[in-house]
Full PDB file with SEQRES, HELIX, SHEET, SSBOND, CRYST1, ORIGX, SCALE, CONECT and MASTER records, all heavy atoms in Angstrom:
SEQRES   1 A   30  LYS ASN PRO PHE ASN ASP ARG GLU MET PHE TRP ASN PHE          
SEQRES   2 A   30  ASN VAL LEU HIS ASN PHE VAL GLY PHE GLY THR THR ILE          
SEQRES   3 A   30  ASP VAL MET PHE                                              
SHEET    1 AA1 2 ASN A  14  VAL A  20  0                                        
SHEET    2 AA1 2 GLY A  23  MET A  29 -1                                        
CRYST1    1.000    1.000    1.000  90.00  90.00  90.00 P 1           1          
ORIGX1      1.000000  0.000000  0.000000        0.00000                         
ORIGX2      0.000000  1.000000  0.000000        0.00000                         
ORIGX3      0.000000  0.000000  1.000000        0.00000                         
SCALE1      1.000000  0.000000  0.000000        0.00000                         
SCALE2      0.000000  1.000000  0.000000        0.00000                         
SCALE3      0.000000  0.000000  1.000000        0.00000                         
ATOM      1  N   LYS A   1      94.248 115.516  92.765  1.00  0.00           N  
ATOM      2  CA  LYS A   1      93.999 114.578  91.681  1.00  0.00           C  
ATOM      3  C   LYS A   1      95.266 114.483  90.840  1.00  0.00           C  
ATOM      4  O   LYS A   1      95.810 115.504  90.421  1.00  0.00           O  
ATOM      5  CB  LYS A   1      92.825 115.051  90.834  1.00  0.00           C  
ATOM      6  CG  LYS A   1      92.353 114.035  89.808  1.00  0.00           C  
ATOM      7  CD  LYS A   1      91.164 114.540  89.029  1.00  0.00           C  
ATOM      8  CE  LYS A   1      89.937 114.296  89.880  1.00  0.00           C  
ATOM      9  NZ  LYS A   1      88.706 114.422  89.088  1.00  0.00           N  
ATOM     10  N   ASN A   2      95.720 113.264  90.606  1.00  0.00           N  
ATOM     11  CA  ASN A   2      96.909 113.046  89.796  1.00  0.00           C  
ATOM     12  C   ASN A   2      96.626 113.522  88.373  1.00  0.00           C  
ATOM     13  O   ASN A   2      95.690 113.058  87.737  1.00  0.00           O  
ATOM     14  CB  ASN A   2      97.273 111.554  89.807  1.00  0.00           C  
ATOM     15  CG  ASN A   2      98.579 111.273  89.116  1.00  0.00           C  
ATOM     16  OD1 ASN A   2      98.923 111.885  88.111  1.00  0.00           O  
ATOM     17  ND2 ASN A   2      99.301 110.298  89.640  1.00  0.00           N  
ATOM     18  N   PRO A   3      97.436 114.451  87.836  1.00  0.00           N  
ATOM     19  CA  PRO A   3      97.170 114.975  86.493  1.00  0.00           C  
ATOM     20  C   PRO A   3      97.430 113.958  85.379  1.00  0.00           C  
ATOM     21  O   PRO A   3      96.974 114.150  84.263  1.00  0.00           O  
ATOM     22  CB  PRO A   3      98.128 116.163  86.376  1.00  0.00           C  
ATOM     23  CG  PRO A   3      99.213 115.877  87.336  1.00  0.00           C  
ATOM     24  CD  PRO A   3      98.589 115.099  88.451  1.00  0.00           C  
ATOM     25  N   PHE A   4      98.130 112.863  85.699  1.00  0.00           N  
ATOM     26  CA  PHE A   4      98.444 111.862  84.678  1.00  0.00           C  
ATOM     27  C   PHE A   4      97.402 110.760  84.570  1.00  0.00           C  
ATOM     28  O   PHE A   4      97.223 110.166  83.519  1.00  0.00           O  
ATOM     29  CB  PHE A   4      99.826 111.240  84.938  1.00  0.00           C  
ATOM     30  CG  PHE A   4     100.924 112.251  84.920  1.00  0.00           C  
ATOM     31  CD1 PHE A   4     101.502 112.683  86.101  1.00  0.00           C  
ATOM     32  CD2 PHE A   4     101.364 112.803  83.724  1.00  0.00           C  
ATOM     33  CE1 PHE A   4     102.514 113.633  86.095  1.00  0.00           C  
ATOM     34  CE2 PHE A   4     102.370 113.757  83.705  1.00  0.00           C  
ATOM     35  CZ  PHE A   4     102.940 114.162  84.891  1.00  0.00           C  
ATOM     36  N   ASN A   5      96.674 110.464  85.684  1.00  0.00           N  
ATOM     37  CA  ASN A   5      95.680 109.388  85.622  1.00  0.00           C  
ATOM     38  C   ASN A   5      94.342 109.743  86.276  1.00  0.00           C  
ATOM     39  O   ASN A   5      93.478 108.894  86.417  1.00  0.00           O  
ATOM     40  CB  ASN A   5      96.244 108.095  86.229  1.00  0.00           C  
ATOM     41  CG  ASN A   5      96.611 108.248  87.686  1.00  0.00           C  
ATOM     42  OD1 ASN A   5      96.134 109.139  88.382  1.00  0.00           O  
ATOM     43  ND2 ASN A   5      97.476 107.362  88.162  1.00  0.00           N  
ATOM     44  N   ASP A   6      94.170 110.988  86.708  1.00  0.00           N  
ATOM     45  CA  ASP A   6      92.926 111.491  87.306  1.00  0.00           C  
ATOM     46  C   ASP A   6      92.483 110.748  88.562  1.00  0.00           C  
ATOM     47  O   ASP A   6      91.320 110.814  88.937  1.00  0.00           O  
ATOM     48  CB  ASP A   6      91.780 111.468  86.279  1.00  0.00           C  
ATOM     49  CG  ASP A   6      91.863 112.624  85.309  1.00  0.00           C  
ATOM     50  OD1 ASP A   6      92.499 113.630  85.663  1.00  0.00           O  
ATOM     51  OD2 ASP A   6      91.299 112.513  84.204  1.00  0.00           O  
ATOM     52  N   ARG A   7      93.395 110.044  89.229  1.00  0.00           N  
ATOM     53  CA  ARG A   7      93.045 109.347  90.467  1.00  0.00           C  
ATOM     54  C   ARG A   7      93.491 110.164  91.676  1.00  0.00           C  
ATOM     55  O   ARG A   7      94.378 111.003  91.594  1.00  0.00           O  
ATOM     56  CB  ARG A   7      93.681 107.948  90.482  1.00  0.00           C  
ATOM     57  CG  ARG A   7      93.084 107.100  89.376  1.00  0.00           C  
ATOM     58  CD  ARG A   7      93.333 105.605  89.438  1.00  0.00           C  
ATOM     59  NE  ARG A   7      94.208 105.102  90.431  1.00  0.00           N  
ATOM     60  CZ  ARG A   7      95.338 104.441  90.173  1.00  0.00           C  
ATOM     61  NH1 ARG A   7      95.723 104.239  88.941  1.00  0.00           N  
ATOM     62  NH2 ARG A   7      96.076 103.969  91.151  1.00  0.00           N  
ATOM     63  N   GLU A   8      92.864 109.874  92.824  1.00  0.00           N  
ATOM     64  CA  GLU A   8      93.185 110.589  94.048  1.00  0.00           C  
ATOM     65  C   GLU A   8      94.634 110.329  94.470  1.00  0.00           C  
ATOM     66  O   GLU A   8      95.129 109.209  94.379  1.00  0.00           O  
ATOM     67  CB  GLU A   8      92.246 110.120  95.159  1.00  0.00           C  
ATOM     68  CG  GLU A   8      92.475 110.814  96.481  1.00  0.00           C  
ATOM     69  CD  GLU A   8      91.510 110.342  97.546  1.00  0.00           C  
ATOM     70  OE1 GLU A   8      91.715 109.227  98.073  1.00  0.00           O  
ATOM     71  OE2 GLU A   8      90.569 111.086  97.833  1.00  0.00           O  
ATOM     72  N   MET A   9      95.282 111.385  94.925  1.00  0.00           N  
ATOM     73  CA  MET A   9      96.643 111.278  95.444  1.00  0.00           C  
ATOM     74  C   MET A   9      96.798 112.248  96.611  1.00  0.00           C  
ATOM     75  O   MET A   9      95.951 113.117  96.823  1.00  0.00           O  
ATOM     76  CB  MET A   9      97.678 111.599  94.366  1.00  0.00           C  
ATOM     77  CG  MET A   9      97.589 113.016  93.830  1.00  0.00           C  
ATOM     78  SD  MET A   9      98.894 113.417  92.685  1.00  0.00           S  
ATOM     79  CE  MET A   9     100.117 114.030  93.799  1.00  0.00           C  
ATOM     80  N   PHE A  10      97.869 112.057  97.368  1.00  0.00           N  
ATOM     81  CA  PHE A  10      98.175 112.933  98.488  1.00  0.00           C  
ATOM     82  C   PHE A  10      99.563 113.519  98.281  1.00  0.00           C  
ATOM     83  O   PHE A  10     100.416 112.887  97.659  1.00  0.00           O  
ATOM     84  CB  PHE A  10      98.115 112.160  99.809  1.00  0.00           C  
ATOM     85  CG  PHE A  10      96.763 111.579 100.066  1.00  0.00           C  
ATOM     86  CD1 PHE A  10      96.485 110.274  99.716  1.00  0.00           C  
ATOM     87  CD2 PHE A  10      95.760 112.340 100.633  1.00  0.00           C  
ATOM     88  CE1 PHE A  10      95.233 109.737  99.935  1.00  0.00           C  
ATOM     89  CE2 PHE A  10      94.506 111.818 100.853  1.00  0.00           C  
ATOM     90  CZ  PHE A  10      94.242 110.502 100.507  1.00  0.00           C  
ATOM     91  N   TRP A  11      99.777 114.724  98.803  1.00  0.00           N  
ATOM     92  CA  TRP A  11     101.051 115.382  98.594  1.00  0.00           C  
ATOM     93  C   TRP A  11     101.355 116.354  99.732  1.00  0.00           C  
ATOM     94  O   TRP A  11     100.459 116.728 100.488  1.00  0.00           O  
ATOM     95  CB  TRP A  11     101.081 116.113  97.245  1.00  0.00           C  
ATOM     96  CG  TRP A  11     100.064 117.222  97.148  1.00  0.00           C  
ATOM     97  CD1 TRP A  11      98.755 117.088  96.799  1.00  0.00           C  
ATOM     98  CD2 TRP A  11     100.267 118.604  97.425  1.00  0.00           C  
ATOM     99  NE1 TRP A  11      98.128 118.312  96.834  1.00  0.00           N  
ATOM    100  CE2 TRP A  11      99.048 119.264  97.219  1.00  0.00           C  
ATOM    101  CE3 TRP A  11     101.367 119.352  97.825  1.00  0.00           C  
ATOM    102  CZ2 TRP A  11      98.891 120.621  97.402  1.00  0.00           C  
ATOM    103  CZ3 TRP A  11     101.221 120.718  98.005  1.00  0.00           C  
ATOM    104  CH2 TRP A  11      99.987 121.329  97.792  1.00  0.00           C  
ATOM    105  N   ASN A  12     102.607 116.731  99.831  1.00  0.00           N  
ATOM    106  CA  ASN A  12     103.036 117.778 100.745  1.00  0.00           C  
ATOM    107  C   ASN A  12     104.428 118.225 100.312  1.00  0.00           C  
ATOM    108  O   ASN A  12     104.984 117.680  99.359  1.00  0.00           O  
ATOM    109  CB  ASN A  12     103.052 117.306 102.199  1.00  0.00           C  
ATOM    110  CG  ASN A  12     102.820 118.454 103.178  1.00  0.00           C  
ATOM    111  OD1 ASN A  12     103.100 119.610 102.875  1.00  0.00           O  
ATOM    112  ND2 ASN A  12     102.322 118.121 104.357  1.00  0.00           N  
ATOM    113  N   PHE A  13     104.982 119.197 100.993  1.00  0.00           N  
ATOM    114  CA  PHE A  13     106.299 119.718 100.648  1.00  0.00           C  
ATOM    115  C   PHE A  13     106.949 120.282 101.895  1.00  0.00           C  
ATOM    116  O   PHE A  13     106.305 120.481 102.924  1.00  0.00           O  
ATOM    117  CB  PHE A  13     106.201 120.810  99.573  1.00  0.00           C  
ATOM    118  CG  PHE A  13     105.590 122.085 100.084  1.00  0.00           C  
ATOM    119  CD1 PHE A  13     106.393 123.113 100.548  1.00  0.00           C  
ATOM    120  CD2 PHE A  13     104.210 122.243 100.119  1.00  0.00           C  
ATOM    121  CE1 PHE A  13     105.832 124.286 101.026  1.00  0.00           C  
ATOM    122  CE2 PHE A  13     103.641 123.413 100.602  1.00  0.00           C  
ATOM    123  CZ  PHE A  13     104.450 124.431 101.048  1.00  0.00           C  
ATOM    124  N   ASN A  14     108.246 120.546 101.806  1.00  0.00           N  
ATOM    125  CA  ASN A  14     108.918 121.334 102.830  1.00  0.00           C  
ATOM    126  C   ASN A  14     110.173 121.949 102.245  1.00  0.00           C  
ATOM    127  O   ASN A  14     110.624 121.565 101.167  1.00  0.00           O  
ATOM    128  CB  ASN A  14     109.189 120.549 104.118  1.00  0.00           C  
ATOM    129  CG  ASN A  14     110.223 119.471 103.981  1.00  0.00           C  
ATOM    130  OD1 ASN A  14     111.141 119.553 103.180  1.00  0.00           O  
ATOM    131  ND2 ASN A  14     110.086 118.430 104.773  1.00  0.00           N  
ATOM    132  N   VAL A  15     110.698 122.927 102.946  1.00  0.00           N  
ATOM    133  CA  VAL A  15     111.929 123.615 102.556  1.00  0.00           C  
ATOM    134  C   VAL A  15     112.852 123.552 103.766  1.00  0.00           C  
ATOM    135  O   VAL A  15     112.439 123.854 104.884  1.00  0.00           O  
ATOM    136  CB  VAL A  15     111.662 125.079 102.152  1.00  0.00           C  
ATOM    137  CG1 VAL A  15     112.952 125.782 101.795  1.00  0.00           C  
ATOM    138  CG2 VAL A  15     110.667 125.143 100.997  1.00  0.00           C  
ATOM    139  N   LEU A  16     114.097 123.144 103.526  1.00  0.00           N  
ATOM    140  CA  LEU A  16     115.051 122.955 104.606  1.00  0.00           C  
ATOM    141  C   LEU A  16     116.356 123.674 104.274  1.00  0.00           C  
ATOM    142  O   LEU A  16     116.883 123.516 103.173  1.00  0.00           O  
ATOM    143  CB  LEU A  16     115.323 121.454 104.789  1.00  0.00           C  
ATOM    144  CG  LEU A  16     116.375 121.045 105.804  1.00  0.00           C  
ATOM    145  CD1 LEU A  16     115.917 121.380 107.217  1.00  0.00           C  
ATOM    146  CD2 LEU A  16     116.650 119.561 105.668  1.00  0.00           C  
ATOM    147  N   HIS A  17     116.866 124.441 105.219  1.00  0.00           N  
ATOM    148  CA  HIS A  17     118.142 125.146 105.046  1.00  0.00           C  
ATOM    149  C   HIS A  17     119.172 124.520 105.974  1.00  0.00           C  
ATOM    150  O   HIS A  17     118.892 124.258 107.143  1.00  0.00           O  
ATOM    151  CB  HIS A  17     117.974 126.626 105.392  1.00  0.00           C  
ATOM    152  CG  HIS A  17     119.258 127.381 105.353  1.00  0.00           C  
ATOM    153  ND1 HIS A  17     120.033 127.562 106.472  1.00  0.00           N  
ATOM    154  CD2 HIS A  17     119.903 127.995 104.336  1.00  0.00           C  
ATOM    155  CE1 HIS A  17     121.113 128.259 106.151  1.00  0.00           C  
ATOM    156  NE2 HIS A  17     121.053 128.535 104.864  1.00  0.00           N  
ATOM    157  N   ASN A  18     120.380 124.263 105.445  1.00  0.00           N  
ATOM    158  CA  ASN A  18     121.488 123.753 106.258  1.00  0.00           C  
ATOM    159  C   ASN A  18     122.750 124.538 105.938  1.00  0.00           C  
ATOM    160  O   ASN A  18     123.002 124.852 104.771  1.00  0.00           O  
ATOM    161  CB  ASN A  18     121.780 122.276 105.942  1.00  0.00           C  
ATOM    162  CG  ASN A  18     120.863 121.348 106.679  1.00  0.00           C  
ATOM    163  OD1 ASN A  18     120.606 121.506 107.861  1.00  0.00           O  
ATOM    164  ND2 ASN A  18     120.357 120.353 105.970  1.00  0.00           N  
ATOM    165  N   PHE A  19     123.547 124.808 106.974  1.00  0.00           N  
ATOM    166  CA  PHE A  19     124.903 125.285 106.757  1.00  0.00           C  
ATOM    167  C   PHE A  19     125.768 124.053 106.552  1.00  0.00           C  
ATOM    168  O   PHE A  19     125.667 123.082 107.302  1.00  0.00           O  
ATOM    169  CB  PHE A  19     125.405 126.086 107.964  1.00  0.00           C  
ATOM    170  CG  PHE A  19     124.701 127.390 108.135  1.00  0.00           C  
ATOM    171  CD1 PHE A  19     123.784 127.573 109.153  1.00  0.00           C  
ATOM    172  CD2 PHE A  19     124.949 128.447 107.263  1.00  0.00           C  
ATOM    173  CE1 PHE A  19     123.130 128.778 109.315  1.00  0.00           C  
ATOM    174  CE2 PHE A  19     124.300 129.662 107.414  1.00  0.00           C  
ATOM    175  CZ  PHE A  19     123.380 129.829 108.445  1.00  0.00           C  
ATOM    176  N   VAL A  20     126.601 124.065 105.527  1.00  0.00           N  
ATOM    177  CA  VAL A  20     127.498 122.946 105.237  1.00  0.00           C  
ATOM    178  C   VAL A  20     128.912 123.481 105.110  1.00  0.00           C  
ATOM    179  O   VAL A  20     129.124 124.694 105.087  1.00  0.00           O  
ATOM    180  CB  VAL A  20     127.050 122.182 103.965  1.00  0.00           C  
ATOM    181  CG1 VAL A  20     125.695 121.527 104.184  1.00  0.00           C  
ATOM    182  CG2 VAL A  20     126.985 123.099 102.764  1.00  0.00           C  
ATOM    183  N   GLY A  21     129.887 122.587 105.008  1.00  0.00           N  
ATOM    184  CA  GLY A  21     131.281 122.984 104.998  1.00  0.00           C  
ATOM    185  C   GLY A  21     131.644 123.990 103.918  1.00  0.00           C  
ATOM    186  O   GLY A  21     132.482 124.864 104.130  1.00  0.00           O  
ATOM    187  N   PHE A  22     131.020 123.903 102.747  1.00  0.00           N  
ATOM    188  CA  PHE A  22     131.356 124.806 101.645  1.00  0.00           C  
ATOM    189  C   PHE A  22     130.440 126.011 101.557  1.00  0.00           C  
ATOM    190  O   PHE A  22     130.626 126.879 100.713  1.00  0.00           O  
ATOM    191  CB  PHE A  22     131.358 124.065 100.307  1.00  0.00           C  
ATOM    192  CG  PHE A  22     130.053 123.366  99.999  1.00  0.00           C  
ATOM    193  CD1 PHE A  22     128.945 124.066  99.551  1.00  0.00           C  
ATOM    194  CD2 PHE A  22     129.952 121.997 100.165  1.00  0.00           C  
ATOM    195  CE1 PHE A  22     127.756 123.426  99.267  1.00  0.00           C  
ATOM    196  CE2 PHE A  22     128.755 121.341  99.868  1.00  0.00           C  
ATOM    197  CZ  PHE A  22     127.661 122.053  99.433  1.00  0.00           C  
ATOM    198  N   GLY A  23     129.417 126.095 102.396  1.00  0.00           N  
ATOM    199  CA  GLY A  23     128.482 127.219 102.328  1.00  0.00           C  
ATOM    200  C   GLY A  23     127.123 126.828 102.888  1.00  0.00           C  
ATOM    201  O   GLY A  23     126.987 126.550 104.071  1.00  0.00           O  
ATOM    202  N   THR A  24     126.120 126.787 102.015  1.00  0.00           N  
ATOM    203  CA  THR A  24     124.772 126.437 102.447  1.00  0.00           C  
ATOM    204  C   THR A  24     124.103 125.529 101.428  1.00  0.00           C  
ATOM    205  O   THR A  24     124.518 125.430 100.279  1.00  0.00           O  
ATOM    206  CB  THR A  24     123.871 127.686 102.605  1.00  0.00           C  
ATOM    207  OG1 THR A  24     123.700 128.304 101.331  1.00  0.00           O  
ATOM    208  CG2 THR A  24     124.442 128.671 103.591  1.00  0.00           C  
ATOM    209  N   THR A  25     123.039 124.893 101.885  1.00  0.00           N  
ATOM    210  CA  THR A  25     122.148 124.182 100.981  1.00  0.00           C  
ATOM    211  C   THR A  25     120.715 124.492 101.395  1.00  0.00           C  
ATOM    212  O   THR A  25     120.406 124.558 102.582  1.00  0.00           O  
ATOM    213  CB  THR A  25     122.404 122.661 100.958  1.00  0.00           C  
ATOM    214  OG1 THR A  25     121.464 122.053 100.068  1.00  0.00           O  
ATOM    215  CG2 THR A  25     122.262 122.032 102.324  1.00  0.00           C  
ATOM    216  N   ILE A  26     119.892 124.728 100.409  1.00  0.00           N  
ATOM    217  CA  ILE A  26     118.455 124.863 100.631  1.00  0.00           C  
ATOM    218  C   ILE A  26     117.812 123.753  99.812  1.00  0.00           C  
ATOM    219  O   ILE A  26     117.920 123.724  98.588  1.00  0.00           O  
ATOM    220  CB  ILE A  26     117.927 126.241 100.194  1.00  0.00           C  
ATOM    221  CG1 ILE A  26     118.586 127.338 101.032  1.00  0.00           C  
ATOM    222  CG2 ILE A  26     116.401 126.287 100.332  1.00  0.00           C  
ATOM    223  CD1 ILE A  26     118.248 128.740 100.595  1.00  0.00           C  
ATOM    224  N   ASP A  27     117.173 122.814 100.516  1.00  0.00           N  
ATOM    225  CA  ASP A  27     116.523 121.677  99.867  1.00  0.00           C  
ATOM    226  C   ASP A  27     115.021 121.910  99.815  1.00  0.00           C  
ATOM    227  O   ASP A  27     114.405 122.280 100.819  1.00  0.00           O  
ATOM    228  CB  ASP A  27     116.812 120.379 100.620  1.00  0.00           C  
ATOM    229  CG  ASP A  27     118.276 119.999 100.595  1.00  0.00           C  
ATOM    230  OD1 ASP A  27     118.986 120.445  99.677  1.00  0.00           O  
ATOM    231  OD2 ASP A  27     118.698 119.242 101.480  1.00  0.00           O  
ATOM    232  N   VAL A  28     114.449 121.704  98.651  1.00  0.00           N  
ATOM    233  CA  VAL A  28     112.998 121.789  98.464  1.00  0.00           C  
ATOM    234  C   VAL A  28     112.525 120.357  98.229  1.00  0.00           C  
ATOM    235  O   VAL A  28     112.965 119.710  97.274  1.00  0.00           O  
ATOM    236  CB  VAL A  28     112.627 122.702  97.282  1.00  0.00           C  
ATOM    237  CG1 VAL A  28     111.119 122.777  97.134  1.00  0.00           C  
ATOM    238  CG2 VAL A  28     113.236 124.081  97.458  1.00  0.00           C  
ATOM    239  N   MET A  29     111.658 119.860  99.112  1.00  0.00           N  
ATOM    240  CA  MET A  29     111.239 118.461  99.075  1.00  0.00           C  
ATOM    241  C   MET A  29     109.745 118.346  98.808  1.00  0.00           C  
ATOM    242  O   MET A  29     108.953 119.119  99.345  1.00  0.00           O  
ATOM    243  CB  MET A  29     111.581 117.794 100.402  1.00  0.00           C  
ATOM    244  CG  MET A  29     113.052 117.833 100.724  1.00  0.00           C  
ATOM    245  SD  MET A  29     113.340 117.292 102.405  1.00  0.00           S  
ATOM    246  CE  MET A  29     114.592 118.472 102.872  1.00  0.00           C  
ATOM    247  N   PHE A  30     109.402 117.375  97.991  1.00  0.00           N  
ATOM    248  CA  PHE A  30     108.011 117.089  97.657  1.00  0.00           C  
ATOM    249  C   PHE A  30     107.713 115.636  97.961  1.00  0.00           C  
ATOM    250  O   PHE A  30     108.507 114.754  97.638  1.00  0.00           O  
ATOM    251  CB  PHE A  30     107.746 117.354  96.166  1.00  0.00           C  
ATOM    252  CG  PHE A  30     107.961 118.776  95.769  1.00  0.00           C  
ATOM    253  CD1 PHE A  30     109.174 119.181  95.239  1.00  0.00           C  
ATOM    254  CD2 PHE A  30     106.949 119.710  95.933  1.00  0.00           C  
ATOM    255  CE1 PHE A  30     109.390 120.494  94.873  1.00  0.00           C  
ATOM    256  CE2 PHE A  30     107.153 121.027  95.569  1.00  0.00           C  
ATOM    257  CZ  PHE A  30     108.374 121.423  95.037  1.00  0.00           C  
TER     258      PHE A  30                                                      
MASTER        0    0    0    0    2    0    0    6  257    1    0    3          
END                                                                             
């Protein structure tokens, strides 16, 4: 339930790790 308007919503997330030229990145996506 959307906390701002009390209507139905859908959601998910993921976490992604990449090695990059300067080191690493960990992305958290919603």
